[in-house]
Every structure is written in structure tokens, then in C-alpha cells.
Amino acid sequence: METRRLEYLVDLERLGSMRAVADQHLTTTSVVSQQLALLQQELGAHLLQRVGRGVRLTAAGSRLAARASGILASLDEARRDFDPDAEPQGTLRVAGFATAARALFPIMRELAASHPGVRLVLEEQEPDEAFALVDAGRIDLALVYDYTLAPLRIPPGYESVRLWEGEWGIGVPDRVAAALPGGGHEALPNRDLMLALREREWIGNSRNNADEIAIGVLASLADYEPNVTHQSDDLALVEDLIAAEFGVGMLPLTREPRDNVHIVRMQDPPMLRASAAYLRGTAEWPLLRHVLDRLTGG
């Protein structure tokens, strides 16, 4: 059903004549009459009746006009939602890993001050979980990550933009670091570091296998499979396990130092890459566009 025909019907009830509708839409009475006749054929209902030399809506026509007014108003609102020049409005639902989620806080505060009607709703999720939520229609934006040693496949039908990337090292207890060349204070060749940690237990991620894949690739340089015995998606817990000397694990080099945890740099460090992913075509929504621009510094 063409929305133009609904517009003609609504305006006919409001204005009272074909001529007035034609003038409103800068067309002819013949075009208006033809379009309304087609609308009647589509519905199989009598919407108009002759009154003297003019027409008026039947009871069925008036009922459709009332419904059409709401439909057209909703369509106008939807068009405004995707007008690139429109102000952000509505609710944006975001799922992402903790570090990226925290990067949203300044944007959430800014929007709360400048656009009180706008809401950002946040869920902490790993990449596969975030994509599943977008596919299910529960989330609009996925903040995901991968490693250069364990690339993430962006599903078909999505677009993505890179947010940032950062070097990662291996977190070890101070006692283990002290036994390394240079006391763990200089970048070591990847193979040499992995050889030195051959007998150590490793800490992986409980909800995403990217860490274990990256650790496995690094260990393969020293011809062994790592013994991954502990798993956590919380970096603070990973640090606790390292500090208690229950294992070693990957940590970002930018992590604040803490007692009995030393992050050893590698000469060819794995990089974590953060990205924002969304369904193709949805970036024209002003609210999503605003958040993406702020996340990327645009």
C-alpha cells in the first residue's frame, strides 16, 4: 500500500474536496481520483461516495483515515530518526566488553546533559554474546575486541569501525620476573619469554577463547602447548591469580602496576584491537551516528 494514497485519503477527509487535496499536493484532481480508486481496489472496500458534484468518505473510509493518520505520523517519526541532520533521540542499547563499556561513560554523561530524553542502556558482554544479542534485536551496537594473533570474524551484514588498539604483555609474579633476563624490565624476544614460562600454569578467559588462542600461538613459538588451568573474564581476578602465584596470563601494558604483578613486554607484542560493530545501514540513525563519532573522535 503506497503511503501517498493514504495521505490523499487523510487530506480528503480534512479538506473536503478532491480539488483542495490536489492543490495541497501540487497535482491534479485526476491523479488524486485515480490514486484513491486504486486504494479502494487494493482493500476491496468502498471508501468514497458521491455527494452532488463532490465526494466524501464512507464510514469505512473514515475508519481507514483515522488509522492512516497514526501510520503516517509513525512513518514521519521513523524518517526523522534516520535524518542525518536530526538531533539524537531515543534509546541506544549497547553490549560490549568492560574496557570499551567504560569508554561510554563520558558520552552517557554528555547526552544526559544535552539531550535529557536520550538513554544509553549498557550490557557487559563478550564479542560472540554481543553479536548474538544484535542478531536477536535486543542490542543496537556491539563493542568487541580481538587480538592480532586471534582475529575476530565480523559476521555478514555488519559494518564496523576501529576504536583503538593497544599492546599486551605477559603478567607474572615479581619472583618470576626477577629470574628473567634483565629482571623482566626489558622487552624480550617472544620465543625466549615463552620458553622461560614453559612450566607455568596459564590463565585464560572464561567467556571468550581469543586469549587462549593468542597464548597458544605464542607458546607454539617455543614448541609447546600452554597449560591453561584457570579462566576469568575479569582482569582484576587475573591479576589476583598472578599475584597469588597461581599462574601467568596476558595483560595490557597500560595496566596500572600492583603488588607482585609484573607485566613483561615482548619485542613483537600481541595487539588488542577494539571495534564498534552494527548492522549495515543503521549508522544513519542520528543517535548511533553521534555515539560512533564520539567513540572514534569524529
Protein backbone atom coordinates (compact mmCIF):
# COMPACT_ATOMS: atom_id res chain seq x y z
CA MET A 1 0.00 0.00 0.00
CA GLU A 2 1.53 3.32 -1.10
CA THR A 3 1.67 5.92 1.64
CA ARG A 4 0.84 8.63 -0.89
CA ARG A 5 -2.65 7.15 -1.30
CA LEU A 6 -3.15 7.19 2.45
CA GLU A 7 -2.06 10.83 2.52
CA TYR A 8 -4.66 11.67 -0.14
CA LEU A 9 -7.36 9.89 1.87
CA VAL A 10 -6.47 11.65 5.14
CA ASP A 11 -6.33 15.04 3.42
CA LEU A 12 -9.65 14.43 1.65
CA GLU A 13 -11.39 13.96 4.98
CA ARG A 14 -9.61 17.01 6.39
CA LEU A 15 -10.03 19.34 3.38
CA GLY A 16 -13.34 18.07 1.99
CA SER A 17 -12.68 18.11 -1.78
CA MET A 18 -10.51 16.50 -4.45
CA ARG A 19 -9.52 19.96 -5.70
CA ALA A 20 -8.24 21.01 -2.27
CA VAL A 21 -6.25 17.76 -1.95
CA ALA A 22 -4.77 18.25 -5.42
CA ASP A 23 -3.74 21.82 -4.57
CA GLN A 24 -2.23 20.61 -1.28
CA HIS A 25 -0.03 18.08 -3.11
CA LEU A 26 0.66 20.21 -6.21
CA THR A 27 -1.02 17.73 -8.54
CA THR A 28 -4.30 17.35 -10.42
CA THR A 29 -7.73 16.15 -9.31
CA SER A 30 -7.42 13.36 -11.90
CA VAL A 31 -4.29 12.00 -10.19
CA VAL A 32 -5.91 12.16 -6.75
CA SER A 33 -9.04 10.41 -8.04
CA GLN A 34 -7.00 7.65 -9.73
CA GLN A 35 -4.89 7.00 -6.63
CA LEU A 36 -7.91 6.79 -4.34
CA ALA A 37 -9.61 4.43 -6.81
CA LEU A 38 -6.53 2.18 -6.68
CA LEU A 39 -6.61 2.30 -2.87
CA GLN A 40 -10.22 1.06 -2.93
CA GLN A 41 -9.23 -1.76 -5.29
CA GLU A 42 -6.32 -2.80 -3.03
CA LEU A 43 -8.58 -3.01 0.01
CA GLY A 44 -11.69 -4.30 -1.74
CA ALA A 45 -13.75 -1.75 0.17
CA HIS A 46 -15.85 1.32 -0.72
CA LEU A 47 -14.04 4.29 0.78
CA LEU A 48 -15.76 7.13 -1.14
CA GLN A 49 -19.30 8.04 -2.05
CA ARG A 50 -20.64 10.70 -4.40
CA VAL A 51 -22.42 13.68 -2.87
CA GLY A 52 -23.72 16.03 -5.56
CA ARG A 53 -20.73 17.01 -7.69
CA GLY A 54 -18.22 16.03 -5.00
CA VAL A 55 -17.25 13.05 -2.84
CA ARG A 56 -16.98 12.26 0.81
CA LEU A 57 -15.62 9.35 2.81
CA THR A 58 -17.82 6.40 3.71
CA ALA A 59 -17.80 5.04 7.25
CA ALA A 60 -15.10 2.57 6.15
CA GLY A 61 -13.14 5.41 4.57
CA SER A 62 -13.29 7.44 7.79
CA ARG A 63 -12.10 4.47 9.84
CA LEU A 64 -9.15 3.95 7.46
CA ALA A 65 -8.35 7.69 7.53
CA ALA A 66 -8.18 7.58 11.32
CA ARG A 67 -5.81 4.61 11.23
CA ALA A 68 -3.81 6.15 8.38
CA SER A 69 -3.18 9.32 10.39
CA GLY A 70 -1.37 7.25 13.04
CA ILE A 71 0.50 5.25 10.41
CA LEU A 72 1.70 8.39 8.62
CA ALA A 73 2.73 10.00 11.91
CA SER A 74 4.79 6.91 12.78
CA LEU A 75 6.43 6.95 9.37
CA ASP A 76 7.32 10.63 9.78
CA GLU A 77 8.87 9.84 13.16
CA ALA A 78 10.85 6.96 11.64
CA ARG A 79 12.12 9.24 8.87
CA ARG A 80 13.24 11.80 11.45
CA ASP A 81 15.09 9.02 13.30
CA PHE A 82 17.20 8.43 10.19
CA ASP A 83 17.60 12.04 9.13
CA PRO A 84 21.39 12.60 9.36
CA ASP A 85 20.77 16.23 10.31
CA ALA A 86 18.31 15.43 13.09
CA GLU A 87 19.13 15.68 16.79
CA PRO A 88 19.84 12.40 18.65
CA GLN A 89 16.75 10.90 20.24
CA GLY A 90 15.52 7.58 21.59
CA THR A 91 17.32 4.74 23.37
CA LEU A 92 20.56 3.15 22.21
CA ARG A 93 21.25 -0.35 23.57
CA VAL A 94 24.94 -1.26 23.74
CA ALA A 95 26.71 -4.53 24.60
CA GLY A 96 30.46 -4.64 24.98
CA PHE A 97 33.49 -5.72 26.95
CA ALA A 98 34.24 -3.86 30.16
CA THR A 99 37.03 -1.56 28.95
CA ALA A 100 35.01 -0.35 25.98
CA ALA A 101 31.88 -0.02 28.11
CA ARG A 102 33.72 2.35 30.44
CA ALA A 103 34.66 4.47 27.42
CA LEU A 104 30.94 5.18 27.01
CA PHE A 105 30.62 6.88 30.41
CA PRO A 106 31.66 10.40 29.22
CA ILE A 107 29.27 10.09 26.26
CA MET A 108 26.44 9.00 28.54
CA ARG A 109 27.04 11.99 30.83
CA GLU A 110 27.22 14.38 27.88
CA LEU A 111 23.96 13.14 26.38
CA ALA A 112 22.23 13.24 29.77
CA ALA A 113 23.11 16.95 29.98
CA SER A 114 22.46 17.94 26.35
CA HIS A 115 19.60 15.57 25.42
CA PRO A 116 17.70 14.53 28.59
CA GLY A 117 15.30 12.36 26.58
CA VAL A 118 18.12 10.20 25.20
CA ARG A 119 19.15 6.99 27.02
CA LEU A 120 22.11 4.66 26.60
CA VAL A 121 21.49 1.21 28.06
CA LEU A 122 24.62 -0.86 28.66
CA GLU A 123 25.33 -4.60 28.99
CA GLU A 124 28.76 -6.10 29.68
CA GLN A 125 29.23 -8.91 27.15
CA GLU A 126 31.98 -10.72 25.27
CA PRO A 127 32.06 -10.38 21.44
CA ASP A 128 30.15 -13.55 20.48
CA GLU A 129 27.49 -12.78 23.10
CA ALA A 130 27.17 -9.18 21.85
CA PHE A 131 26.70 -10.29 18.22
CA ALA A 132 24.02 -12.79 19.29
CA LEU A 133 22.14 -10.00 21.07
CA VAL A 134 22.28 -7.75 17.99
CA ASP A 135 21.01 -10.61 15.82
CA ALA A 136 18.15 -11.14 18.29
CA GLY A 137 17.16 -7.46 18.07
CA ARG A 138 17.97 -6.77 21.74
CA ILE A 139 21.07 -4.64 21.12
CA ASP A 140 21.88 -1.89 18.59
CA LEU A 141 25.65 -1.58 18.98
CA ALA A 142 28.32 -4.19 19.81
CA LEU A 143 31.69 -3.11 21.24
CA VAL A 144 34.02 -6.02 20.51
CA TYR A 145 37.71 -6.88 20.56
CA ASP A 146 40.21 -9.28 19.11
CA TYR A 147 43.97 -9.86 19.08
CA THR A 148 46.32 -9.68 16.13
CA LEU A 149 47.11 -13.33 16.99
CA ALA A 150 43.40 -14.27 17.11
CA PRO A 151 41.46 -12.18 14.57
CA LEU A 152 37.71 -11.79 15.07
CA ARG A 153 35.39 -12.51 12.15
CA ILE A 154 32.77 -9.79 11.78
CA PRO A 155 29.53 -11.56 10.73
CA PRO A 156 27.95 -10.87 7.30
CA GLY A 157 25.51 -7.98 7.30
CA TYR A 158 27.54 -5.92 9.77
CA GLU A 159 29.70 -2.84 9.43
CA SER A 160 32.46 -1.99 11.89
CA VAL A 161 34.87 0.80 12.78
CA ARG A 162 38.14 0.53 14.69
CA LEU A 163 38.12 2.33 18.04
CA TRP A 164 41.65 1.81 19.37
CA GLU A 165 44.40 -0.76 19.74
CA GLY A 166 46.98 -1.43 22.44
CA GLU A 167 49.95 -3.64 23.24
CA TRP A 168 49.64 -6.56 25.63
CA GLY A 169 52.32 -8.36 27.61
CA ILE A 170 52.55 -11.31 29.97
CA GLY A 171 51.73 -10.72 33.62
CA VAL A 172 53.95 -12.72 36.01
CA PRO A 173 54.71 -12.63 39.75
CA ASP A 174 57.68 -10.45 40.76
CA ARG A 175 59.70 -13.54 41.68
CA VAL A 176 59.26 -14.97 38.17
CA ALA A 177 60.09 -11.61 36.57
CA ALA A 178 63.31 -11.34 38.59
CA ALA A 179 64.55 -14.61 37.07
CA LEU A 180 64.09 -13.33 33.50
CA PRO A 181 66.88 -11.63 31.50
CA GLY A 182 67.08 -8.01 32.64
CA GLY A 183 64.84 -8.79 35.59
CA GLY A 184 61.80 -8.53 33.32
CA HIS A 185 62.37 -4.81 32.77
CA GLU A 186 63.30 -5.02 29.10
CA ALA A 187 61.42 -6.29 26.07
CA LEU A 188 62.24 -9.92 25.39
CA PRO A 189 62.06 -11.90 22.17
CA ASN A 190 58.69 -13.63 22.09
CA ARG A 191 60.18 -17.13 21.86
CA ASP A 192 62.65 -16.54 24.69
CA LEU A 193 59.94 -15.31 27.02
CA MET A 194 57.65 -18.22 26.22
CA LEU A 195 60.49 -20.70 26.74
CA ALA A 196 61.14 -19.19 30.18
CA LEU A 197 57.44 -19.68 31.06
CA ARG A 198 57.16 -23.19 29.66
CA GLU A 199 56.43 -24.85 33.02
CA ARG A 200 53.99 -22.22 34.25
CA GLU A 201 50.23 -22.57 34.51
CA TRP A 202 48.30 -20.07 32.39
CA ILE A 203 45.13 -18.04 32.92
CA GLY A 204 42.64 -17.82 30.06
CA ASN A 205 39.26 -16.12 29.51
CA SER A 206 36.16 -17.92 30.76
CA ARG A 207 33.79 -16.47 28.14
CA ASN A 208 35.95 -15.94 25.05
CA ASN A 209 38.64 -18.18 23.56
CA ALA A 210 40.62 -15.34 21.95
CA ASP A 211 43.05 -15.19 24.91
CA GLU A 212 43.72 -18.92 24.78
CA ILE A 213 44.22 -18.80 21.01
CA ALA A 214 46.72 -15.95 21.37
CA ILE A 215 48.53 -17.72 24.22
CA GLY A 216 48.63 -20.89 22.12
CA VAL A 217 50.13 -19.07 19.14
CA LEU A 218 52.82 -17.53 21.38
CA ALA A 219 53.61 -20.89 23.01
CA SER A 220 53.93 -22.53 19.60
CA LEU A 221 56.99 -20.34 19.02
CA ALA A 222 58.64 -22.37 21.80
CA ASP A 223 57.16 -25.68 20.56
CA TYR A 224 54.74 -26.45 23.40
CA GLU A 225 51.07 -26.26 24.29
CA PRO A 226 50.34 -23.96 27.23
CA ASN A 227 48.77 -25.44 30.35
CA VAL A 228 45.68 -23.22 30.74
CA THR A 229 44.28 -24.12 34.14
CA HIS A 230 42.42 -21.01 35.32
CA GLN A 231 39.89 -18.87 33.47
CA SER A 232 38.44 -15.44 34.15
CA ASP A 233 36.97 -12.62 32.07
CA ASP A 234 37.81 -10.14 34.86
CA LEU A 235 41.29 -8.62 34.58
CA ALA A 236 41.32 -7.82 38.29
CA LEU A 237 40.80 -11.52 39.07
CA VAL A 238 43.51 -12.45 36.54
CA GLU A 239 45.86 -10.13 38.45
CA ASP A 240 44.80 -11.66 41.77
CA LEU A 241 45.66 -15.13 40.47
CA ILE A 242 49.05 -13.90 39.22
CA ALA A 243 49.81 -12.08 42.49
CA ALA A 244 48.97 -15.27 44.41
CA GLU A 245 51.37 -17.14 42.09
CA PHE A 246 48.67 -19.44 40.70
CA GLY A 247 49.59 -18.72 37.09
CA VAL A 248 50.63 -16.22 34.43
CA GLY A 249 48.46 -14.50 31.84
CA MET A 250 48.09 -11.79 29.25
CA LEU A 251 47.56 -8.22 30.49
CA PRO A 252 47.55 -4.80 28.78
CA LEU A 253 50.81 -2.91 29.10
CA THR A 254 48.84 0.17 30.15
CA ARG A 255 47.51 -1.62 33.23
CA GLU A 256 48.33 0.16 36.49
CA PRO A 257 51.09 -1.73 38.35
CA ARG A 258 50.10 -3.58 41.52
CA ASP A 259 51.92 -5.58 44.17
CA ASN A 260 53.55 -8.82 42.99
CA VAL A 261 52.37 -8.44 39.39
CA HIS A 262 54.92 -7.52 36.73
CA ILE A 263 53.91 -7.17 33.07
CA VAL A 264 56.73 -8.30 30.78
CA ARG A 265 56.96 -6.65 27.39
CA MET A 266 57.62 -8.66 24.23
CA GLN A 267 59.63 -7.43 21.26
CA ASP A 268 56.73 -8.31 18.94
CA PRO A 269 53.77 -7.82 21.28
CA PRO A 270 50.25 -9.03 20.54
CA MET A 271 47.86 -6.15 19.99
CA LEU A 272 44.31 -5.95 21.27
CA ARG A 273 42.01 -4.17 18.79
CA ALA A 274 38.69 -2.69 19.88
CA SER A 275 35.92 -2.14 17.34
CA ALA A 276 32.31 -1.00 17.19
CA ALA A 277 30.03 -3.24 15.10
CA TYR A 278 26.44 -2.62 13.99
CA LEU A 279 24.01 -3.88 11.37
CA ARG A 280 24.60 -2.44 7.91
CA GLY A 281 22.57 0.72 7.30
CA THR A 282 21.81 1.55 10.93
CA ALA A 283 24.63 4.10 11.25
CA GLU A 284 22.30 6.68 9.65
CA TRP A 285 20.31 6.73 12.90
CA PRO A 286 21.38 10.08 14.43
CA LEU A 287 21.80 8.69 17.96
CA LEU A 288 24.01 5.81 16.81
CA ARG A 289 25.92 8.15 14.49
CA HIS A 290 26.54 10.56 17.38
CA VAL A 291 27.87 7.82 19.66
CA LEU A 292 30.11 6.37 16.92
CA ASP A 293 31.52 9.82 16.16
CA ARG A 294 32.29 10.41 19.82
CA LEU A 295 33.88 6.96 20.24
CA THR A 296 36.12 7.49 17.19
CA GLY A 297 36.89 11.14 17.92
CA GLY A 298 34.91 12.32 14.90
